[in-house]
Protein backbone atom coordinates (compact mmCIF):
# COMPACT_ATOMS: atom_id res chain seq x y z
CA MET A 1 -47.22 19.34 -55.83
CA SER A 2 -43.92 19.08 -53.94
CA ALA A 3 -41.27 16.44 -54.53
CA PRO A 4 -41.44 13.42 -52.22
CA VAL A 5 -38.94 13.30 -49.36
CA PHE A 6 -37.12 10.01 -49.20
CA PRO A 7 -36.80 8.43 -45.74
CA GLY A 8 -33.15 7.63 -46.48
CA CYS A 9 -32.38 11.36 -46.87
CA ILE A 10 -33.97 12.12 -43.51
CA VAL A 11 -31.98 9.35 -41.81
CA LEU A 12 -28.75 10.64 -43.35
CA ALA A 13 -29.50 14.20 -42.28
CA VAL A 14 -30.24 13.15 -38.68
CA ALA A 15 -27.11 10.96 -38.57
CA GLY A 16 -25.02 13.90 -39.82
CA ILE A 17 -26.39 16.19 -37.11
CA VAL A 18 -25.78 13.59 -34.39
CA LEU A 19 -22.22 12.93 -35.56
CA ALA A 20 -21.47 16.64 -35.77
CA GLY A 21 -22.74 17.05 -32.21
CA CYS A 22 -20.52 14.19 -30.98
CA THR A 23 -17.48 15.73 -32.64
CA GLN A 24 -18.25 19.07 -31.03
CA PHE A 25 -18.73 17.41 -27.64
CA GLU A 26 -15.36 15.64 -27.92
CA SER A 27 -13.51 18.90 -28.67
CA VAL A 28 -15.13 20.60 -25.64
CA LYS A 29 -14.27 17.60 -23.46
CA ASP A 30 -10.65 17.66 -24.70
CA ARG A 31 -10.35 21.33 -23.92
CA PHE A 32 -11.22 20.81 -20.25
CA THR A 33 -9.20 17.62 -19.81
CA PRO A 34 -5.59 18.34 -18.83
CA ALA A 35 -3.03 17.41 -21.47
CA PRO A 36 -1.01 14.35 -20.48
CA PRO A 37 2.77 14.49 -20.14
CA GLN A 38 4.77 13.62 -23.26
CA SER A 39 7.30 10.83 -22.86
CA ARG A 40 10.25 9.27 -24.63
CA VAL A 41 12.71 6.55 -23.79
CA VAL A 42 16.31 7.64 -24.36
CA ARG A 43 19.65 5.85 -24.16
CA GLY A 44 21.88 6.76 -21.27
CA GLU A 45 22.51 6.31 -17.59
CA PRO A 46 20.17 8.10 -15.16
CA ARG A 47 22.68 10.75 -14.06
CA GLN A 48 23.77 11.45 -17.64
CA VAL A 49 20.13 11.85 -18.74
CA TYR A 50 19.38 14.06 -15.73
CA ASP A 51 22.30 16.38 -16.57
CA ALA A 52 21.30 16.50 -20.25
CA ALA A 53 17.65 17.19 -19.36
CA ARG A 54 18.67 20.04 -17.06
CA LEU A 55 20.92 21.55 -19.71
CA ALA A 56 18.21 21.16 -22.39
CA MET A 57 15.66 22.78 -20.09
CA GLU A 58 17.97 25.73 -19.46
CA LYS A 59 18.87 26.11 -23.16
CA ILE A 60 15.20 26.51 -24.09
CA GLY A 61 14.66 29.23 -21.51
CA TYR A 62 13.75 27.62 -18.20
CA GLN A 63 15.52 28.38 -14.94
CA PHE A 64 16.05 25.45 -12.58
CA ALA A 65 13.56 25.67 -9.70
CA ASN A 66 13.46 22.30 -7.95
CA GLY A 67 14.39 18.63 -8.07
CA GLY A 68 17.52 16.57 -8.30
CA PRO A 69 19.08 13.40 -9.68
CA ALA A 70 18.19 11.37 -6.58
CA GLN A 71 14.50 12.30 -6.97
CA GLY A 72 14.59 11.73 -10.73
CA ARG A 73 12.75 15.00 -11.16
CA LEU A 74 13.41 18.50 -12.46
CA GLU A 75 11.23 21.59 -12.41
CA GLY A 76 11.89 24.86 -14.16
CA ILE A 77 10.19 28.17 -14.81
CA SER A 78 10.53 30.65 -17.64
CA ALA A 79 10.89 34.38 -17.27
CA ILE A 80 7.63 36.30 -16.95
CA ALA A 81 6.63 37.72 -20.30
CA ARG A 82 4.63 40.91 -20.11
CA GLY A 83 1.82 40.86 -22.64
CA GLY A 84 0.53 43.51 -24.96
CA SER A 85 -2.73 44.73 -23.49
CA PHE A 86 -3.53 46.00 -20.02
CA GLY A 87 -0.64 44.46 -18.11
CA ALA A 88 -1.21 40.84 -19.07
CA ALA A 89 1.59 38.43 -18.19
CA GLU A 90 2.43 34.84 -18.95
CA GLN A 91 4.91 32.31 -17.69
CA ARG A 92 5.64 28.68 -18.50
CA SER A 93 6.75 25.90 -16.20
CA ILE A 94 8.24 22.55 -17.07
CA THR A 95 8.21 19.36 -15.02
CA ILE A 96 10.52 16.54 -16.06
CA SER A 97 10.38 13.06 -14.52
CA LEU A 98 13.04 10.43 -15.11
CA ARG A 99 12.50 6.71 -14.57
CA PRO A 100 14.85 3.86 -15.33
CA ALA A 101 13.65 1.73 -18.24
CA GLU A 102 15.44 -1.23 -19.80
CA ALA A 103 19.19 -1.54 -19.25
CA GLY A 104 20.95 1.61 -20.41
CA GLN A 105 17.72 3.53 -21.01
CA VAL A 106 15.65 6.12 -19.15
CA GLU A 107 12.02 7.14 -19.64
CA VAL A 108 11.72 10.93 -19.73
CA ARG A 109 8.26 12.42 -19.08
CA VAL A 110 7.70 16.12 -19.69
CA LEU A 111 4.75 18.35 -18.89
CA ILE A 112 4.78 22.02 -19.85
CA LYS A 113 2.21 24.37 -18.35
CA GLU A 114 1.41 27.94 -19.24
CA THR A 115 0.11 30.42 -16.67
CA ILE A 116 -1.62 33.49 -18.06
CA GLU A 117 -2.69 36.44 -15.98
CA ARG A 118 -4.88 39.04 -17.60
CA ASP A 119 -4.82 42.63 -16.35
CA SER A 120 -2.14 42.01 -13.74
CA ASP A 121 -2.09 45.69 -12.71
CA ARG A 122 -5.39 45.28 -10.86
CA SER A 123 -5.74 43.51 -7.55
CA THR A 124 -8.61 41.35 -8.87
CA ALA A 125 -6.46 39.74 -11.56
CA MET A 126 -7.03 36.04 -12.09
CA ALA A 127 -4.44 33.67 -13.46
CA THR A 128 -5.23 30.55 -15.44
CA GLU A 129 -2.91 27.57 -15.77
CA GLU A 130 -3.19 25.10 -18.60
CA SER A 131 -1.06 22.18 -19.80
CA LEU A 132 0.25 22.78 -23.30
CA ARG A 133 -1.19 20.57 -26.01
CA ASP A 134 0.98 22.01 -28.79
CA PRO A 135 3.62 19.35 -29.57
CA ALA A 136 6.25 21.88 -30.78
CA PRO A 137 7.72 22.82 -27.34
CA TYR A 138 7.91 19.15 -26.39
CA GLU A 139 9.59 18.23 -29.68
CA ARG A 140 12.06 21.06 -29.18
CA PHE A 141 12.97 19.78 -25.71
CA PHE A 142 13.29 16.13 -26.76
CA GLY A 143 15.28 17.06 -29.88
CA LEU A 144 17.77 19.04 -27.81
CA LEU A 145 17.93 16.28 -25.17
CA GLU A 146 18.76 13.66 -27.84
CA GLN A 147 21.36 15.98 -29.35
CA LEU A 148 23.05 16.55 -25.97
CA LEU A 149 23.04 12.83 -25.18
CA LYS A 150 24.60 11.97 -28.55
CA SER A 151 27.29 14.62 -28.14
CA GLY A 152 28.28 13.11 -24.79
CA LYS A 153 28.74 16.57 -23.21
CA PRO A 154 26.44 16.36 -20.17
CA GLY A 155 27.20 14.12 -17.25
């Protein structure tokens, strides 16, 4: 004769399966939802913060592409990095928005995107663009921005 199965065990097993499915669904949903811009409020006047943001952007490898202090916006692109296999290439872009906050402060919003092209030697190559979710590049930018603002060099 087999051991009796307790209804509580069945309920727990079903609940575990349902919860595991919800967790899996959330990670798939997150993957296809664009990452939001990262933002910080920093001390400084708008022009000073703009100059520091541009210098920080350039120090971490982006070349100025568009924007200006009057627009409160900066855009930059990195050099194209040729990948290892079959002519793959990748490039990052950064978009920085500046908005006045409380007196003597500016909100800085940053979005970094990565464009990857596989097999760029063929005419049918497709590129994909995705917002970076990894916080490290954002932290690097904001850390350098804060450092430049504290040093008083930009502006």
